[in-house]
Amino acid sequence: MPRQPKRPVPPPKRMASYRQRMRAAGLRPVQIWVPDTRAPDFAEKCRRQARAVAADDPAGDELMRFVAQIYELPE
């Protein structure tokens, strides 16, 4: 007697099963919000913030010279 084809599992049930497996593996779901890098003003905001940080760190050049002096390249 031929077998009947399996019915596809509905997406909500499939997702619930996936979440259950992930939780059993010791994981938990987390949702995070990040900046939209596709936004037209994203690059300008980055530049503006970088300039603000650089202007507020007068010891930055001295620190970078110190790091360059003590840094050893791996052989």
N, C-alpha and C. Protein backbone atom coordinates (compact mmCIF):
# COMPACT_ATOMS: atom_id res chain seq x y z
N MET A 1 0.84 -1.17 0.00
CA MET A 1 0.00 0.00 0.00
C MET A 1 0.89 1.25 0.00
N PRO A 2 0.66 2.20 -0.91
CA PRO A 2 1.53 3.38 -0.98
C PRO A 2 1.29 4.31 0.22
N ARG A 3 2.37 4.92 0.64
CA ARG A 3 2.29 5.87 1.76
C ARG A 3 1.72 7.19 1.29
N GLN A 4 1.03 7.82 2.18
CA GLN A 4 0.56 9.16 1.86
C GLN A 4 1.71 10.13 2.13
N PRO A 5 1.85 11.12 1.27
CA PRO A 5 2.94 12.07 1.51
C PRO A 5 2.72 12.81 2.82
N LYS A 6 3.85 13.13 3.49
CA LYS A 6 3.75 13.86 4.74
C LYS A 6 3.23 15.26 4.49
N ARG A 7 2.40 15.72 5.39
CA ARG A 7 1.92 17.09 5.29
C ARG A 7 3.04 18.03 5.73
N PRO A 8 3.17 19.13 5.04
CA PRO A 8 4.20 20.08 5.49
C PRO A 8 3.84 20.65 6.87
N VAL A 9 4.85 20.84 7.68
CA VAL A 9 4.63 21.39 9.02
C VAL A 9 4.41 22.89 8.87
N PRO A 10 3.35 23.41 9.47
CA PRO A 10 3.08 24.85 9.36
C PRO A 10 4.23 25.67 9.97
N PRO A 11 4.53 26.81 9.39
CA PRO A 11 5.66 27.63 9.89
C PRO A 11 5.63 27.93 11.39
N PRO A 12 4.49 28.29 11.99
CA PRO A 12 4.53 28.56 13.43
C PRO A 12 4.96 27.35 14.26
N LYS A 13 4.51 26.17 13.84
CA LYS A 13 4.88 24.94 14.55
C LYS A 13 6.37 24.63 14.33
N ARG A 14 6.83 24.84 13.11
CA ARG A 14 8.23 24.61 12.78
C ARG A 14 9.12 25.55 13.60
N MET A 15 8.72 26.81 13.72
CA MET A 15 9.48 27.80 14.49
C MET A 15 9.49 27.45 15.97
N ALA A 16 8.36 26.99 16.49
CA ALA A 16 8.28 26.60 17.90
C ALA A 16 9.23 25.44 18.17
N SER A 17 9.29 24.50 17.25
CA SER A 17 10.19 23.36 17.39
C SER A 17 11.66 23.82 17.38
N TYR A 18 11.96 24.75 16.49
CA TYR A 18 13.33 25.29 16.39
C TYR A 18 13.70 25.99 17.70
N ARG A 19 12.80 26.81 18.21
CA ARG A 19 13.07 27.53 19.47
C ARG A 19 13.28 26.55 20.62
N GLN A 20 12.48 25.50 20.64
CA GLN A 20 12.62 24.50 21.70
C GLN A 20 13.99 23.83 21.62
N ARG A 21 14.44 23.50 20.41
CA ARG A 21 15.76 22.88 20.25
C ARG A 21 16.87 23.83 20.68
N MET A 22 16.74 25.11 20.34
CA MET A 22 17.75 26.10 20.71
C MET A 22 17.80 26.28 22.24
N ARG A 23 16.64 26.32 22.87
CA ARG A 23 16.60 26.44 24.34
C ARG A 23 17.20 25.20 24.99
N ALA A 24 16.92 24.03 24.42
CA ALA A 24 17.49 22.78 24.95
C ALA A 24 19.01 22.79 24.82
N ALA A 25 19.52 23.53 23.85
CA ALA A 25 20.97 23.64 23.65
C ALA A 25 21.58 24.72 24.56
N GLY A 26 20.75 25.33 25.42
CA GLY A 26 21.25 26.33 26.35
C GLY A 26 21.27 27.74 25.81
N LEU A 27 20.56 27.98 24.72
CA LEU A 27 20.52 29.31 24.12
C LEU A 27 19.19 29.99 24.43
N ARG A 28 19.18 31.30 24.29
CA ARG A 28 17.93 32.04 24.45
C ARG A 28 17.84 33.09 23.36
N PRO A 29 16.63 33.44 22.94
CA PRO A 29 16.48 34.43 21.88
C PRO A 29 16.73 35.84 22.41
N VAL A 30 17.39 36.65 21.59
CA VAL A 30 17.67 38.04 21.93
C VAL A 30 17.43 38.88 20.69
N GLN A 31 16.75 39.99 20.86
CA GLN A 31 16.54 40.92 19.75
C GLN A 31 17.31 42.19 20.06
N ILE A 32 18.08 42.66 19.09
CA ILE A 32 18.83 43.90 19.29
C ILE A 32 18.53 44.86 18.16
N TRP A 33 18.64 46.12 18.46
CA TRP A 33 18.45 47.16 17.46
C TRP A 33 19.82 47.78 17.18
N VAL A 34 20.15 47.88 15.93
CA VAL A 34 21.44 48.44 15.53
C VAL A 34 21.23 49.59 14.56
N PRO A 35 22.22 50.47 14.42
CA PRO A 35 22.07 51.57 13.46
C PRO A 35 21.89 51.03 12.04
N ASP A 36 21.09 51.74 11.27
CA ASP A 36 20.85 51.35 9.88
C ASP A 36 21.99 51.92 9.03
N THR A 37 22.92 51.06 8.64
CA THR A 37 24.08 51.50 7.87
C THR A 37 23.70 51.91 6.45
N ARG A 38 22.47 51.62 6.05
CA ARG A 38 22.02 52.02 4.71
C ARG A 38 21.43 53.42 4.69
N ALA A 39 21.23 54.00 5.86
CA ALA A 39 20.63 55.34 5.93
C ALA A 39 21.55 56.35 5.25
N PRO A 40 20.99 57.31 4.52
CA PRO A 40 21.81 58.27 3.78
C PRO A 40 22.77 59.08 4.66
N ASP A 41 22.38 59.36 5.90
CA ASP A 41 23.24 60.19 6.74
C ASP A 41 24.13 59.38 7.69
N PHE A 42 24.16 58.07 7.54
CA PHE A 42 24.93 57.22 8.45
C PHE A 42 26.43 57.54 8.41
N ALA A 43 27.01 57.61 7.22
CA ALA A 43 28.45 57.85 7.08
C ALA A 43 28.82 59.21 7.68
N GLU A 44 28.00 60.22 7.44
CA GLU A 44 28.30 61.55 7.99
C GLU A 44 28.22 61.54 9.51
N LYS A 45 27.26 60.82 10.07
CA LYS A 45 27.18 60.72 11.53
C LYS A 45 28.44 60.05 12.09
N CYS A 46 28.91 59.02 11.42
CA CYS A 46 30.13 58.33 11.86
C CYS A 46 31.32 59.28 11.84
N ARG A 47 31.47 60.03 10.74
CA ARG A 47 32.58 60.98 10.64
C ARG A 47 32.49 62.04 11.74
N ARG A 48 31.30 62.56 11.96
CA ARG A 48 31.10 63.60 12.97
C ARG A 48 31.46 63.07 14.37
N GLN A 49 31.03 61.86 14.67
CA GLN A 49 31.33 61.28 15.98
C GLN A 49 32.82 60.97 16.12
N ALA A 50 33.45 60.50 15.05
CA ALA A 50 34.88 60.21 15.09
C ALA A 50 35.68 61.49 15.31
N ARG A 51 35.28 62.58 14.64
CA ARG A 51 35.97 63.86 14.84
C ARG A 51 35.79 64.35 16.28
N ALA A 52 34.60 64.17 16.83
CA ALA A 52 34.34 64.61 18.20
C ALA A 52 35.21 63.82 19.19
N VAL A 53 35.34 62.53 18.97
CA VAL A 53 36.18 61.71 19.85
C VAL A 53 37.64 62.12 19.71
N ALA A 54 38.09 62.32 18.47
CA ALA A 54 39.48 62.70 18.23
C ALA A 54 39.79 64.06 18.85
N ALA A 55 38.88 64.99 18.75
CA ALA A 55 39.10 66.33 19.30
C ALA A 55 39.11 66.30 20.82
N ASP A 56 38.42 65.35 21.41
CA ASP A 56 38.31 65.27 22.87
C ASP A 56 39.40 64.40 23.48
N ASP A 57 40.36 63.91 22.67
CA ASP A 57 41.41 63.02 23.16
C ASP A 57 42.77 63.58 22.78
N PRO A 58 43.23 64.63 23.47
CA PRO A 58 44.51 65.22 23.11
C PRO A 58 45.69 64.27 23.34
N ALA A 59 45.54 63.28 24.21
CA ALA A 59 46.62 62.34 24.48
C ALA A 59 46.64 61.21 23.46
N GLY A 60 45.71 61.20 22.53
CA GLY A 60 45.61 60.11 21.57
C GLY A 60 46.87 59.91 20.76
N ASP A 61 47.47 61.00 20.27
CA ASP A 61 48.70 60.88 19.47
C ASP A 61 49.83 60.32 20.32
N GLU A 62 49.95 60.81 21.53
CA GLU A 62 51.00 60.33 22.43
C GLU A 62 50.81 58.85 22.73
N LEU A 63 49.58 58.46 22.97
CA LEU A 63 49.27 57.06 23.25
C LEU A 63 49.62 56.18 22.06
N MET A 64 49.27 56.62 20.86
CA MET A 64 49.57 55.82 19.67
C MET A 64 51.08 55.69 19.46
N ARG A 65 51.85 56.74 19.74
CA ARG A 65 53.31 56.65 19.63
C ARG A 65 53.84 55.64 20.64
N PHE A 66 53.31 55.66 21.86
CA PHE A 66 53.73 54.71 22.89
C PHE A 66 53.43 53.28 22.46
N VAL A 67 52.23 53.04 21.96
CA VAL A 67 51.85 51.70 21.52
C VAL A 67 52.76 51.24 20.38
N ALA A 68 53.05 52.14 19.44
CA ALA A 68 53.92 51.79 18.32
C ALA A 68 55.32 51.44 18.81
N GLN A 69 55.80 52.12 19.84
CA GLN A 69 57.15 51.84 20.36
C GLN A 69 57.23 50.49 21.04
N ILE A 70 56.19 50.11 21.77
CA ILE A 70 56.28 48.85 22.53
C ILE A 70 55.76 47.64 21.77
N TYR A 71 55.09 47.88 20.65
CA TYR A 71 54.50 46.77 19.90
C TYR A 71 55.58 45.98 19.17
N GLU A 72 55.53 44.68 19.30
CA GLU A 72 56.47 43.81 18.59
C GLU A 72 55.70 42.99 17.57
N LEU A 73 56.20 42.98 16.36
CA LEU A 73 55.57 42.17 15.32
C LEU A 73 55.87 40.70 15.57
N PRO A 74 54.90 39.84 15.39
CA PRO A 74 55.16 38.40 15.56
C PRO A 74 56.12 37.90 14.48
N GLU A 75 56.97 36.98 14.86
CA GLU A 75 57.95 36.45 13.90
C GLU A 75 57.39 35.30 13.12
